[in-house]
């Protein structure tokens, strides 16, 4: 059983805790945050320990960590504390929900979290610090580089490369053999059919609002 400290105390960290506590492979021993941001010293009956001195109480030789931060600042904040935890000597756990389908030749780095009901085909590689929410399809020979965040119901076709620090929104579709350049935002419902350039932002058109009210639709 791995003894784990969760870095973060916000909503995302609390979700991570609720998943990990059900897995017998992990024992959550504490939360951590920067000293100035700690408002309560206890969360879920566990201590909240200042990150600045965490290794004095929970030495990295005995404990591991998970950086439970979202996609703030294009995932840079999560990447920053990932590096700082590594510099302190911690190894960082990764988690795959048991309902996710993992196929052969799968590679995964540190501090990755894969939620439920994903399908991951053969020869997929995830580098460090990748978050994949629920219900996505990641096709064969795809590489997702470090510090990316993929939301739900995303379809990524085969031989795709997603460079570091990208955000892929809900219901986005990426064609096969595409390269998404670093720090791109692919918005909800966007369809990507060609390579992108660094830091580009894509969005789909919003659904048109009709100039009627719902009580005018008699046969709905």
N, C-alpha and C. Protein backbone atom coordinates (compact mmCIF):
# COMPACT_ATOMS: atom_id res chain seq x y z
N UNK A 1 0.84 -1.20 0.00
CA UNK A 1 0.00 0.00 0.00
C UNK A 1 0.87 1.24 0.00
N UNK A 2 0.61 2.15 -0.92
CA UNK A 2 1.39 3.38 -1.03
C UNK A 2 0.79 4.45 -0.11
N UNK A 3 1.65 5.05 0.70
CA UNK A 3 1.23 6.13 1.59
C UNK A 3 1.37 7.46 0.85
N UNK A 4 0.25 8.16 0.67
CA UNK A 4 0.17 9.27 -0.28
C UNK A 4 -0.25 10.56 0.42
N UNK A 5 0.42 11.65 0.04
CA UNK A 5 0.03 13.01 0.41
C UNK A 5 -0.58 13.66 -0.82
N UNK A 6 -1.75 14.24 -0.67
CA UNK A 6 -2.39 14.97 -1.77
C UNK A 6 -2.03 16.44 -1.63
N UNK A 7 -1.39 17.00 -2.66
CA UNK A 7 -1.12 18.43 -2.67
C UNK A 7 -2.33 19.15 -3.25
N UNK A 8 -2.90 20.05 -2.46
CA UNK A 8 -4.09 20.78 -2.86
C UNK A 8 -5.20 20.52 -1.86
N UNK A 9 -6.07 21.50 -1.69
CA UNK A 9 -7.21 21.36 -0.77
C UNK A 9 -8.53 21.79 -1.41
N UNK A 10 -8.48 22.21 -2.66
CA UNK A 10 -9.68 22.70 -3.34
C UNK A 10 -10.56 21.57 -3.85
N UNK A 11 -11.53 21.94 -4.68
CA UNK A 11 -12.51 20.99 -5.18
C UNK A 11 -11.88 19.82 -5.92
N UNK A 12 -10.89 20.09 -6.76
CA UNK A 12 -10.26 19.01 -7.52
C UNK A 12 -9.52 18.05 -6.59
N UNK A 13 -8.81 18.60 -5.61
CA UNK A 13 -8.10 17.75 -4.65
C UNK A 13 -9.07 16.88 -3.87
N UNK A 14 -10.23 17.42 -3.52
CA UNK A 14 -11.21 16.64 -2.78
C UNK A 14 -11.78 15.51 -3.63
N UNK A 15 -11.98 15.76 -4.93
CA UNK A 15 -12.41 14.70 -5.83
C UNK A 15 -11.36 13.60 -5.91
N UNK A 16 -10.10 13.99 -6.05
CA UNK A 16 -9.01 13.01 -6.10
C UNK A 16 -9.01 12.15 -4.84
N UNK A 17 -9.18 12.79 -3.69
CA UNK A 17 -9.22 12.05 -2.43
C UNK A 17 -10.34 11.01 -2.43
N UNK A 18 -11.52 11.38 -2.89
CA UNK A 18 -12.66 10.47 -2.86
C UNK A 18 -12.44 9.25 -3.75
N UNK A 19 -11.70 9.42 -4.85
CA UNK A 19 -11.37 8.27 -5.68
C UNK A 19 -10.29 7.41 -5.04
N UNK A 20 -9.22 8.04 -4.59
CA UNK A 20 -8.09 7.27 -4.08
C UNK A 20 -8.42 6.50 -2.81
N UNK A 21 -9.29 7.04 -1.99
CA UNK A 21 -9.58 6.37 -0.72
C UNK A 21 -10.30 5.04 -0.93
N UNK A 22 -10.90 4.83 -2.10
CA UNK A 22 -11.59 3.58 -2.40
C UNK A 22 -10.65 2.52 -2.97
N UNK A 23 -9.43 2.92 -3.28
CA UNK A 23 -8.48 2.00 -3.90
C UNK A 23 -7.55 1.44 -2.83
N UNK A 24 -7.55 0.13 -2.63
CA UNK A 24 -6.72 -0.45 -1.57
C UNK A 24 -5.21 -0.31 -1.81
N UNK A 25 -4.84 0.12 -3.01
CA UNK A 25 -3.41 0.32 -3.28
C UNK A 25 -2.87 1.58 -2.63
N UNK A 26 -3.77 2.47 -2.18
CA UNK A 26 -3.34 3.77 -1.65
C UNK A 26 -3.88 4.01 -0.25
N UNK A 27 -3.07 4.62 0.57
CA UNK A 27 -3.49 5.10 1.89
C UNK A 27 -3.19 6.59 1.96
N UNK A 28 -4.23 7.41 2.01
CA UNK A 28 -4.05 8.86 2.06
C UNK A 28 -3.74 9.26 3.50
N UNK A 29 -2.60 9.91 3.70
CA UNK A 29 -2.17 10.24 5.06
C UNK A 29 -2.31 11.72 5.39
N UNK A 30 -2.33 12.59 4.36
CA UNK A 30 -2.38 14.03 4.63
C UNK A 30 -2.69 14.78 3.34
N UNK A 31 -3.11 16.04 3.53
CA UNK A 31 -3.15 17.02 2.44
C UNK A 31 -2.02 18.01 2.66
N UNK A 32 -1.68 18.74 1.61
CA UNK A 32 -0.64 19.76 1.73
C UNK A 32 -0.99 20.95 0.85
N UNK A 33 -0.50 22.11 1.27
CA UNK A 33 -0.68 23.34 0.50
C UNK A 33 0.38 24.32 0.98
N UNK A 34 0.57 25.40 0.23
CA UNK A 34 1.46 26.45 0.70
C UNK A 34 0.94 27.02 2.02
N UNK A 35 1.85 27.34 2.90
CA UNK A 35 1.49 27.76 4.26
C UNK A 35 0.46 28.89 4.26
N UNK A 36 0.67 29.90 3.41
CA UNK A 36 -0.19 31.08 3.43
C UNK A 36 -1.60 30.78 2.93
N UNK A 37 -1.80 29.64 2.28
CA UNK A 37 -3.11 29.30 1.72
C UNK A 37 -3.89 28.33 2.60
N UNK A 38 -3.30 27.88 3.68
CA UNK A 38 -3.99 26.92 4.55
C UNK A 38 -4.96 27.67 5.45
N UNK A 39 -6.25 27.39 5.27
CA UNK A 39 -7.29 28.03 6.08
C UNK A 39 -7.77 27.12 7.20
N UNK A 40 -7.81 25.82 6.94
CA UNK A 40 -8.20 24.84 7.94
C UNK A 40 -7.09 23.81 8.06
N UNK A 41 -6.80 23.37 9.26
CA UNK A 41 -5.70 22.43 9.50
C UNK A 41 -6.13 20.98 9.34
N UNK A 42 -7.43 20.74 9.17
CA UNK A 42 -7.93 19.38 9.00
C UNK A 42 -8.87 19.35 7.80
N UNK A 43 -8.74 18.32 6.97
CA UNK A 43 -9.64 18.09 5.84
C UNK A 43 -9.90 16.59 5.76
N UNK A 44 -11.18 16.20 5.78
CA UNK A 44 -11.55 14.79 5.79
C UNK A 44 -10.82 14.04 6.92
N UNK A 45 -10.72 14.67 8.07
CA UNK A 45 -10.07 14.09 9.26
C UNK A 45 -8.58 13.83 9.06
N UNK A 46 -7.99 14.45 8.05
CA UNK A 46 -6.56 14.33 7.81
C UNK A 46 -5.88 15.68 7.99
N UNK A 47 -4.63 15.69 8.42
CA UNK A 47 -3.93 16.97 8.60
C UNK A 47 -3.63 17.65 7.28
N UNK A 48 -3.66 18.97 7.30
CA UNK A 48 -3.22 19.78 6.15
C UNK A 48 -1.88 20.38 6.54
N UNK A 49 -0.83 19.97 5.86
CA UNK A 49 0.55 20.26 6.26
C UNK A 49 1.18 21.24 5.28
N UNK A 50 1.89 22.26 5.76
CA UNK A 50 2.55 23.21 4.85
C UNK A 50 3.52 22.50 3.90
N UNK A 51 3.41 22.81 2.63
CA UNK A 51 4.29 22.21 1.63
C UNK A 51 5.75 22.58 1.87
N UNK A 52 5.97 23.78 2.41
CA UNK A 52 7.34 24.26 2.61
C UNK A 52 8.15 23.33 3.51
N UNK A 53 7.48 22.65 4.44
CA UNK A 53 8.20 21.78 5.40
C UNK A 53 7.70 20.34 5.37
N UNK A 54 7.00 19.94 4.31
CA UNK A 54 6.34 18.65 4.26
C UNK A 54 7.31 17.48 4.44
N UNK A 55 8.52 17.61 3.88
CA UNK A 55 9.47 16.49 3.94
C UNK A 55 10.00 16.24 5.34
N UNK A 56 9.88 17.22 6.24
CA UNK A 56 10.33 17.02 7.62
C UNK A 56 9.37 16.11 8.39
N UNK A 57 8.09 16.11 8.01
CA UNK A 57 7.09 15.30 8.70
C UNK A 57 6.83 14.00 7.94
N UNK A 58 6.78 14.09 6.62
CA UNK A 58 6.53 12.93 5.77
C UNK A 58 7.68 12.79 4.78
N UNK A 59 8.76 12.12 5.18
CA UNK A 59 9.96 12.05 4.32
C UNK A 59 9.68 11.32 3.01
N UNK A 60 10.28 11.80 1.92
CA UNK A 60 10.03 11.19 0.61
C UNK A 60 10.52 9.75 0.49
N UNK A 61 11.33 9.30 1.41
CA UNK A 61 11.75 7.90 1.40
C UNK A 61 10.61 6.97 1.80
N UNK A 62 9.59 7.51 2.48
CA UNK A 62 8.49 6.68 2.98
C UNK A 62 7.13 7.03 2.37
N UNK A 63 7.02 8.24 1.84
CA UNK A 63 5.72 8.72 1.37
C UNK A 63 5.82 9.18 -0.08
N UNK A 64 4.69 9.09 -0.79
CA UNK A 64 4.60 9.59 -2.14
C UNK A 64 3.57 10.72 -2.19
N UNK A 65 3.42 11.33 -3.35
CA UNK A 65 2.57 12.51 -3.43
C UNK A 65 1.77 12.49 -4.73
N UNK A 66 0.66 13.20 -4.70
CA UNK A 66 -0.08 13.49 -5.94
C UNK A 66 -0.41 14.98 -5.96
N UNK A 67 -0.09 15.66 -7.07
CA UNK A 67 -0.35 17.09 -7.22
C UNK A 67 -1.74 17.24 -7.81
N UNK A 68 -2.70 17.58 -6.96
CA UNK A 68 -4.11 17.61 -7.35
C UNK A 68 -4.55 19.03 -7.65
N UNK A 69 -4.01 19.56 -8.74
CA UNK A 69 -4.38 20.89 -9.22
C UNK A 69 -4.92 20.74 -10.64
N UNK A 70 -5.81 21.63 -11.04
CA UNK A 70 -6.45 21.54 -12.34
C UNK A 70 -5.63 22.17 -13.45
N UNK A 71 -6.31 22.87 -14.35
CA UNK A 71 -5.64 23.41 -15.55
C UNK A 71 -5.35 24.90 -15.44
N UNK A 72 -5.31 25.44 -14.21
CA UNK A 72 -5.03 26.86 -14.01
C UNK A 72 -3.76 27.29 -14.74
N UNK A 73 -3.83 28.44 -15.40
CA UNK A 73 -2.66 29.02 -16.09
C UNK A 73 -2.08 28.01 -17.09
N UNK A 74 -2.95 27.42 -17.88
CA UNK A 74 -2.55 26.45 -18.90
C UNK A 74 -1.73 25.31 -18.29
N UNK A 75 -2.17 24.83 -17.16
CA UNK A 75 -1.55 23.70 -16.46
C UNK A 75 -0.18 24.02 -15.87
N UNK A 76 0.24 25.27 -15.93
CA UNK A 76 1.58 25.62 -15.44
C UNK A 76 1.68 25.49 -13.93
N UNK A 77 0.58 25.79 -13.23
CA UNK A 77 0.62 25.71 -11.77
C UNK A 77 0.83 24.26 -11.33
N UNK A 78 0.11 23.32 -11.95
CA UNK A 78 0.31 21.92 -11.62
C UNK A 78 1.72 21.48 -11.98
N UNK A 79 2.24 21.94 -13.11
CA UNK A 79 3.61 21.59 -13.51
C UNK A 79 4.63 22.16 -12.53
N UNK A 80 4.39 23.37 -12.02
CA UNK A 80 5.32 24.00 -11.08
C UNK A 80 5.46 23.16 -9.81
N UNK A 81 4.33 22.74 -9.24
CA UNK A 81 4.41 22.00 -7.99
C UNK A 81 4.83 20.55 -8.23
N UNK A 82 4.57 20.02 -9.41
CA UNK A 82 5.13 18.72 -9.78
C UNK A 82 6.66 18.78 -9.68
N UNK A 83 7.24 19.81 -10.29
CA UNK A 83 8.70 19.95 -10.26
C UNK A 83 9.21 20.15 -8.83
N UNK A 84 8.50 20.98 -8.06
CA UNK A 84 8.95 21.24 -6.70
C UNK A 84 8.88 19.98 -5.84
N UNK A 85 7.85 19.17 -6.03
CA UNK A 85 7.76 17.91 -5.30
C UNK A 85 8.90 16.97 -5.70
N UNK A 86 9.19 16.91 -7.00
CA UNK A 86 10.31 16.08 -7.46
C UNK A 86 11.63 16.59 -6.89
N UNK A 87 11.79 17.91 -6.83
CA UNK A 87 13.02 18.48 -6.27
C UNK A 87 13.18 18.13 -4.79
N UNK A 88 12.07 17.95 -4.08
CA UNK A 88 12.12 17.53 -2.68
C UNK A 88 12.42 16.05 -2.53
N UNK A 89 12.37 15.32 -3.64
CA UNK A 89 12.69 13.90 -3.62
C UNK A 89 11.51 12.97 -3.66
N UNK A 90 10.29 13.50 -3.83
CA UNK A 90 9.10 12.65 -3.85
C UNK A 90 8.92 11.98 -5.21
N UNK A 91 8.46 10.74 -5.18
CA UNK A 91 7.88 10.15 -6.38
C UNK A 91 6.39 10.43 -6.34
N UNK A 92 5.78 10.50 -7.50
CA UNK A 92 4.37 10.89 -7.60
C UNK A 92 3.58 9.74 -8.20
N UNK A 93 2.47 9.43 -7.55
CA UNK A 93 1.67 8.30 -7.98
C UNK A 93 0.87 8.64 -9.24
N UNK A 94 0.46 7.62 -9.96
CA UNK A 94 -0.54 7.74 -11.02
C UNK A 94 -1.68 6.78 -10.70
N UNK A 95 -2.86 7.10 -11.22
CA UNK A 95 -4.06 6.33 -10.91
C UNK A 95 -4.86 6.11 -12.18
N UNK A 96 -5.36 4.88 -12.35
CA UNK A 96 -6.25 4.54 -13.47
C UNK A 96 -7.50 3.90 -12.88
N UNK A 97 -8.65 4.47 -13.15
CA UNK A 97 -9.89 3.90 -12.63
C UNK A 97 -10.11 2.51 -13.22
N UNK A 98 -10.56 1.55 -12.42
CA UNK A 98 -10.69 0.16 -12.91
C UNK A 98 -11.67 -0.01 -14.07
N UNK A 99 -12.57 0.93 -14.29
CA UNK A 99 -13.50 0.80 -15.41
C UNK A 99 -12.90 1.23 -16.74
N UNK A 100 -11.75 1.88 -16.70
CA UNK A 100 -11.09 2.30 -17.93
C UNK A 100 -10.45 1.09 -18.62
N UNK A 101 -10.56 1.04 -19.93
CA UNK A 101 -10.00 -0.05 -20.72
C UNK A 101 -8.62 0.35 -21.21
N UNK A 102 -7.62 -0.40 -20.75
CA UNK A 102 -6.23 -0.16 -21.13
C UNK A 102 -5.77 -1.32 -22.00
N UNK A 103 -5.20 -1.02 -23.16
CA UNK A 103 -4.72 -2.06 -24.05
C UNK A 103 -3.19 -2.18 -24.03
N UNK A 104 -2.67 -3.08 -24.83
CA UNK A 104 -1.25 -3.42 -24.79
C UNK A 104 -0.36 -2.24 -25.18
N UNK A 105 0.87 -2.32 -24.69
CA UNK A 105 1.92 -1.35 -25.01
C UNK A 105 1.58 0.06 -24.54
N UNK A 106 0.86 0.14 -23.44
CA UNK A 106 0.50 1.43 -22.84
C UNK A 106 1.63 1.90 -21.94
N UNK A 107 1.96 3.19 -22.03
CA UNK A 107 2.97 3.79 -21.17
C UNK A 107 2.37 4.97 -20.43
N UNK A 108 2.71 5.12 -19.16
CA UNK A 108 2.17 6.21 -18.36
C UNK A 108 3.26 6.75 -17.44
N UNK A 109 3.31 8.08 -17.32
CA UNK A 109 4.30 8.72 -16.47
C UNK A 109 3.80 8.91 -15.04
N UNK A 110 4.41 9.84 -14.33
CA UNK A 110 4.04 10.13 -12.95
C UNK A 110 2.96 11.21 -12.90
N UNK A 111 2.21 11.19 -11.81
CA UNK A 111 1.19 12.20 -11.52
C UNK A 111 0.13 12.29 -12.62
N UNK A 112 -0.22 11.15 -13.17
CA UNK A 112 -1.33 11.08 -14.13
C UNK A 112 -2.56 10.55 -13.39
N UNK A 113 -3.73 11.00 -13.82
CA UNK A 113 -4.99 10.54 -13.22
C UNK A 113 -5.98 10.31 -14.35
N UNK A 114 -6.44 9.06 -14.47
CA UNK A 114 -7.38 8.69 -15.52
C UNK A 114 -8.68 8.28 -14.85
N UNK A 115 -9.74 9.03 -15.08
CA UNK A 115 -11.03 8.77 -14.47
C UNK A 115 -11.73 7.59 -15.17
N UNK A 116 -13.02 7.39 -14.87
CA UNK A 116 -13.69 6.18 -15.31
C UNK A 116 -14.11 6.22 -16.78
N UNK A 117 -14.28 5.00 -17.32
CA UNK A 117 -14.93 4.76 -18.63
C UNK A 117 -14.19 5.38 -19.81
N UNK A 118 -12.88 5.41 -19.74
CA UNK A 118 -12.08 5.78 -20.90
C UNK A 118 -11.69 4.52 -21.68
N UNK A 119 -11.47 4.68 -22.98
CA UNK A 119 -10.94 3.59 -23.81
C UNK A 119 -9.60 4.05 -24.35
N UNK A 120 -8.56 3.30 -24.01
CA UNK A 120 -7.20 3.66 -24.44
C UNK A 120 -6.67 2.49 -25.26
N UNK A 121 -6.44 2.74 -26.54
CA UNK A 121 -6.05 1.69 -27.48
C UNK A 121 -4.55 1.41 -27.39
N UNK A 122 -4.07 0.37 -28.11
CA UNK A 122 -2.65 0.00 -28.02
C UNK A 122 -1.71 1.12 -28.45
N UNK A 123 -0.51 1.08 -27.85
CA UNK A 123 0.60 1.97 -28.19
C UNK A 123 0.32 3.44 -27.85
N UNK A 124 -0.47 3.66 -26.82
CA UNK A 124 -0.69 5.03 -26.34
C UNK A 124 0.35 5.34 -25.27
N UNK A 125 0.86 6.56 -25.30
CA UNK A 125 1.85 6.99 -24.31
C UNK A 125 1.37 8.28 -23.64
N UNK A 126 1.34 8.27 -22.32
CA UNK A 126 1.08 9.48 -21.54
C UNK A 126 2.36 9.85 -20.82
N UNK A 127 2.82 11.07 -21.01
CA UNK A 127 3.96 11.55 -20.25
C UNK A 127 3.49 11.99 -18.85
N UNK A 128 4.32 12.70 -18.11
CA UNK A 128 4.00 13.06 -16.74
C UNK A 128 2.88 14.09 -16.65
N UNK A 129 2.10 13.99 -15.55
CA UNK A 129 1.22 15.09 -15.13
C UNK A 129 0.04 15.31 -16.09
N UNK A 130 -0.52 14.23 -16.58
CA UNK A 130 -1.64 14.28 -17.52
C UNK A 130 -2.92 13.89 -16.79
N UNK A 131 -3.97 14.69 -16.94
CA UNK A 131 -5.28 14.40 -16.36
C UNK A 131 -6.25 14.08 -17.49
N UNK A 132 -6.93 12.93 -17.36
CA UNK A 132 -7.93 12.53 -18.37
C UNK A 132 -9.23 12.25 -17.63
N UNK A 133 -10.25 13.06 -17.89
CA UNK A 133 -11.53 12.92 -17.20
C UNK A 133 -12.31 11.75 -17.80
N UNK A 134 -13.60 11.71 -17.71
CA UNK A 134 -14.37 10.50 -18.01
C UNK A 134 -14.78 10.40 -19.48
N UNK A 135 -14.88 9.14 -19.96
CA UNK A 135 -15.57 8.84 -21.20
C UNK A 135 -14.88 9.27 -22.48
N UNK A 136 -13.56 9.24 -22.52
CA UNK A 136 -12.83 9.62 -23.73
C UNK A 136 -12.36 8.40 -24.50
N UNK A 137 -12.07 8.60 -25.80
CA UNK A 137 -11.46 7.57 -26.63
C UNK A 137 -10.12 8.11 -27.12
N UNK A 138 -9.06 7.41 -26.73
CA UNK A 138 -7.71 7.79 -27.16
C UNK A 138 -7.18 6.65 -28.02
N UNK A 139 -7.05 6.91 -29.30
CA UNK A 139 -6.77 5.84 -30.26
C UNK A 139 -5.28 5.51 -30.34
N UNK A 140 -5.00 4.46 -31.05
CA UNK A 140 -3.68 3.83 -31.11
C UNK A 140 -2.56 4.79 -31.51
N UNK A 141 -1.38 4.52 -30.98
CA UNK A 141 -0.15 5.26 -31.33
C UNK A 141 -0.26 6.76 -31.07
N UNK A 142 -1.06 7.13 -30.09
CA UNK A 142 -1.18 8.54 -29.71
C UNK A 142 -0.25 8.83 -28.54
N UNK A 143 0.38 10.00 -28.58
CA UNK A 143 1.22 10.45 -27.48
C UNK A 143 0.65 11.75 -26.92
N UNK A 144 0.41 11.76 -25.61
CA UNK A 144 -0.01 12.97 -24.92
C UNK A 144 1.13 13.39 -24.01
N UNK A 145 1.72 14.53 -24.31
CA UNK A 145 2.90 14.97 -23.59
C UNK A 145 2.53 15.59 -22.24
N UNK A 146 3.53 16.00 -21.51
CA UNK A 146 3.37 16.40 -20.10
C UNK A 146 2.42 17.57 -19.92
N UNK A 147 1.75 17.56 -18.76
CA UNK A 147 0.97 18.69 -18.24
C UNK A 147 -0.27 19.01 -19.07
N UNK A 148 -0.86 18.01 -19.68
CA UNK A 148 -2.10 18.23 -20.45
C UNK A 148 -3.32 17.88 -19.59
N UNK A 149 -4.45 18.45 -19.98
CA UNK A 149 -5.72 18.21 -19.28
C UNK A 149 -6.78 17.95 -20.34
N UNK A 150 -7.38 16.76 -20.29
CA UNK A 150 -8.41 16.37 -21.25
C UNK A 150 -9.71 16.17 -20.49
N UNK A 151 -10.76 16.84 -20.92
CA UNK A 151 -12.03 16.79 -20.19
C UNK A 151 -12.79 15.53 -20.61
N UNK A 152 -14.06 15.58 -20.92
CA UNK A 152 -14.86 14.37 -21.14
C UNK A 152 -15.36 14.26 -22.57
N UNK A 153 -15.54 13.01 -23.02
CA UNK A 153 -16.13 12.68 -24.32
C UNK A 153 -15.33 13.26 -25.47
N UNK A 154 -14.03 13.28 -25.31
CA UNK A 154 -13.11 13.71 -26.36
C UNK A 154 -12.75 12.48 -27.21
N UNK A 155 -12.70 12.66 -28.53
CA UNK A 155 -12.30 11.59 -29.44
C UNK A 155 -10.99 11.99 -30.11
N UNK A 156 -9.94 11.22 -29.83
CA UNK A 156 -8.62 11.49 -30.40
C UNK A 156 -8.28 10.30 -31.30
N UNK A 157 -8.16 10.55 -32.59
CA UNK A 157 -7.87 9.48 -33.54
C UNK A 157 -6.40 9.09 -33.49
N UNK A 158 -6.06 8.02 -34.21
CA UNK A 158 -4.73 7.41 -34.09
C UNK A 158 -3.60 8.28 -34.59
N UNK A 159 -2.38 7.98 -34.08
CA UNK A 159 -1.14 8.63 -34.49
C UNK A 159 -1.15 10.14 -34.24
N UNK A 160 -1.86 10.55 -33.20
CA UNK A 160 -1.93 11.96 -32.83
C UNK A 160 -0.87 12.27 -31.78
N UNK A 161 -0.35 13.48 -31.84
CA UNK A 161 0.58 13.97 -30.80
C UNK A 161 0.00 15.25 -30.21
N UNK A 162 -0.14 15.26 -28.90
CA UNK A 162 -0.57 16.46 -28.19
C UNK A 162 0.60 16.95 -27.36
N UNK A 163 1.11 18.10 -27.70
CA UNK A 163 2.31 18.63 -27.05
C UNK A 163 1.98 19.16 -25.65
N UNK A 164 3.00 19.52 -24.86
CA UNK A 164 2.78 19.87 -23.44
C UNK A 164 1.83 21.04 -23.22
N UNK A 165 1.17 20.97 -22.05
CA UNK A 165 0.37 22.07 -21.50
C UNK A 165 -0.84 22.44 -22.35
N UNK A 166 -1.45 21.46 -22.98
CA UNK A 166 -2.67 21.71 -23.75
C UNK A 166 -3.91 21.42 -22.90
N UNK A 167 -5.01 22.05 -23.29
CA UNK A 167 -6.32 21.80 -22.70
C UNK A 167 -7.26 21.38 -23.81
N UNK A 168 -7.91 20.22 -23.65
CA UNK A 168 -8.85 19.71 -24.65
C UNK A 168 -10.22 19.66 -24.01
N UNK A 169 -11.17 20.43 -24.53
CA UNK A 169 -12.47 20.58 -23.91
C UNK A 169 -13.45 19.47 -24.27
N UNK A 170 -14.59 19.49 -23.61
CA UNK A 170 -15.60 18.44 -23.73
C UNK A 170 -16.10 18.30 -25.18
N UNK A 171 -16.18 17.04 -25.62
CA UNK A 171 -16.72 16.69 -26.94
C UNK A 171 -15.87 17.18 -28.11
N UNK A 172 -14.63 17.54 -27.87
CA UNK A 172 -13.74 17.89 -28.97
C UNK A 172 -13.38 16.63 -29.76
N UNK A 173 -13.10 16.81 -31.06
CA UNK A 173 -12.70 15.71 -31.94
C UNK A 173 -11.42 16.09 -32.66
N UNK A 174 -10.44 15.17 -32.63
CA UNK A 174 -9.15 15.42 -33.27
C UNK A 174 -8.90 14.31 -34.28
N UNK A 175 -8.72 14.69 -35.53
CA UNK A 175 -8.52 13.74 -36.62
C UNK A 175 -7.19 13.00 -36.46
N UNK A 176 -7.06 11.86 -37.15
CA UNK A 176 -5.83 11.07 -37.06
C UNK A 176 -4.62 11.82 -37.62
N UNK A 177 -3.46 11.48 -37.07
CA UNK A 177 -2.15 11.99 -37.53
C UNK A 177 -2.04 13.51 -37.41
N UNK A 178 -2.71 14.06 -36.41
CA UNK A 178 -2.66 15.50 -36.15
C UNK A 178 -1.66 15.77 -35.04
N UNK A 179 -1.02 16.94 -35.11
CA UNK A 179 -0.14 17.39 -34.02
C UNK A 179 -0.72 18.66 -33.44
N UNK A 180 -1.09 18.59 -32.16
CA UNK A 180 -1.57 19.76 -31.43
C UNK A 180 -0.37 20.40 -30.75
N UNK A 181 -0.03 21.61 -31.15
CA UNK A 181 1.17 22.27 -30.63
C UNK A 181 0.99 22.66 -29.17
N UNK A 182 2.07 22.92 -28.49
CA UNK A 182 2.05 23.17 -27.05
C UNK A 182 1.19 24.38 -26.69
N UNK A 183 0.56 24.27 -25.52
CA UNK A 183 -0.25 25.34 -24.93
C UNK A 183 -1.42 25.78 -25.80
N UNK A 184 -1.99 24.84 -26.52
CA UNK A 184 -3.21 25.13 -27.28
C UNK A 184 -4.44 24.86 -26.40
N UNK A 185 -5.50 25.61 -26.67
CA UNK A 185 -6.82 25.34 -26.08
C UNK A 185 -7.73 24.87 -27.21
N UNK A 186 -8.22 23.65 -27.07
CA UNK A 186 -9.20 23.11 -28.00
C UNK A 186 -10.53 23.11 -27.26
N UNK A 187 -11.39 24.03 -27.60
CA UNK A 187 -12.61 24.26 -26.84
C UNK A 187 -13.65 23.17 -27.02
N UNK A 188 -14.68 23.24 -26.19
CA UNK A 188 -15.75 22.24 -26.21
C UNK A 188 -16.38 22.15 -27.60
N UNK A 189 -16.47 20.93 -28.12
CA UNK A 189 -17.11 20.69 -29.40
C UNK A 189 -16.29 21.03 -30.63
N UNK A 190 -15.06 21.49 -30.45
CA UNK A 190 -14.23 21.85 -31.60
C UNK A 190 -13.81 20.60 -32.37
N UNK A 191 -13.68 20.74 -33.69
CA UNK A 191 -13.22 19.65 -34.56
C UNK A 191 -11.92 20.10 -35.20
N UNK A 192 -10.84 19.34 -34.95
CA UNK A 192 -9.51 19.72 -35.43
C UNK A 192 -9.12 18.77 -36.55
N UNK A 193 -8.92 19.33 -37.76
CA UNK A 193 -8.64 18.53 -38.94
C UNK A 193 -7.25 18.79 -39.51
N UNK A 194 -6.48 19.69 -38.89
CA UNK A 194 -5.12 19.95 -39.34
C UNK A 194 -4.27 20.34 -38.15
N UNK A 195 -2.96 20.29 -38.34
CA UNK A 195 -2.03 20.63 -37.26
C UNK A 195 -2.27 22.05 -36.75
N UNK A 196 -2.02 22.25 -35.48
CA UNK A 196 -2.16 23.59 -34.91
C UNK A 196 -0.79 24.21 -34.68
N UNK A 197 -0.82 25.49 -34.35
CA UNK A 197 0.41 26.19 -33.98
C UNK A 197 0.37 26.52 -32.49
N UNK A 198 1.53 26.79 -31.94
CA UNK A 198 1.66 27.01 -30.51
C UNK A 198 0.72 28.10 -30.00
N UNK A 199 0.03 27.80 -28.89
CA UNK A 199 -0.82 28.73 -28.15
C UNK A 199 -2.08 29.15 -28.90
N UNK A 200 -2.47 28.40 -29.92
CA UNK A 200 -3.71 28.72 -30.61
C UNK A 200 -4.91 28.31 -29.77
N UNK A 201 -6.03 28.98 -30.03
CA UNK A 201 -7.28 28.71 -29.31
C UNK A 201 -8.36 28.41 -30.34
N UNK A 202 -9.06 27.29 -30.15
CA UNK A 202 -10.11 26.87 -31.07
C UNK A 202 -11.43 26.74 -30.31
N UNK A 203 -12.51 27.19 -30.94
CA UNK A 203 -13.82 27.00 -30.33
C UNK A 203 -14.82 26.63 -31.43
N UNK A 204 -15.86 25.92 -31.04
CA UNK A 204 -16.94 25.64 -31.99
C UNK A 204 -17.95 26.77 -31.89
N UNK A 205 -18.80 26.90 -32.91
CA UNK A 205 -19.84 27.92 -32.87
C UNK A 205 -20.90 27.53 -31.85
N UNK A 206 -21.37 28.49 -31.11
CA UNK A 206 -22.44 28.21 -30.15
C UNK A 206 -23.72 27.84 -30.88
N UNK A 207 -24.55 27.03 -30.23
CA UNK A 207 -25.85 26.68 -30.79
C UNK A 207 -26.72 27.93 -30.91
N UNK A 208 -27.40 28.05 -32.02
CA UNK A 208 -28.24 29.22 -32.26
C UNK A 208 -29.49 29.20 -31.38
N UNK A 209 -29.78 30.32 -30.74
CA UNK A 209 -31.01 30.45 -29.96
C UNK A 209 -32.13 30.92 -30.89
N UNK A 210 -33.21 30.17 -30.92
CA UNK A 210 -34.34 30.54 -31.76
C UNK A 210 -35.16 31.65 -31.11
N UNK A 211 -35.80 32.43 -31.95
CA UNK A 211 -36.58 33.57 -31.45
C UNK A 211 -38.00 33.14 -31.12
N UNK A 212 -38.12 32.08 -30.30
CA UNK A 212 -39.41 31.60 -29.82
C UNK A 212 -39.25 31.18 -28.37
N UNK A 213 -40.36 30.91 -27.70
CA UNK A 213 -40.31 30.39 -26.33
C UNK A 213 -40.77 28.93 -26.35
N UNK A 214 -40.41 28.21 -25.29
CA UNK A 214 -40.67 26.77 -25.28
C UNK A 214 -42.17 26.43 -25.32
N UNK A 215 -43.01 27.31 -24.80
CA UNK A 215 -44.46 27.02 -24.79
C UNK A 215 -45.09 27.16 -26.17
N UNK A 216 -44.30 27.64 -27.16
CA UNK A 216 -44.80 27.74 -28.51
C UNK A 216 -44.64 26.42 -29.27
N UNK A 217 -43.87 25.47 -28.72
CA UNK A 217 -43.65 24.19 -29.37
C UNK A 217 -44.69 23.20 -28.88
N UNK A 218 -45.72 23.00 -29.65
CA UNK A 218 -46.87 22.20 -29.22
C UNK A 218 -46.59 20.70 -29.28
N UNK A 219 -45.71 20.28 -30.16
CA UNK A 219 -45.53 18.84 -30.41
C UNK A 219 -44.22 18.31 -29.84
N UNK A 220 -43.61 18.98 -28.90
CA UNK A 220 -42.35 18.54 -28.32
C UNK A 220 -42.58 17.31 -27.44
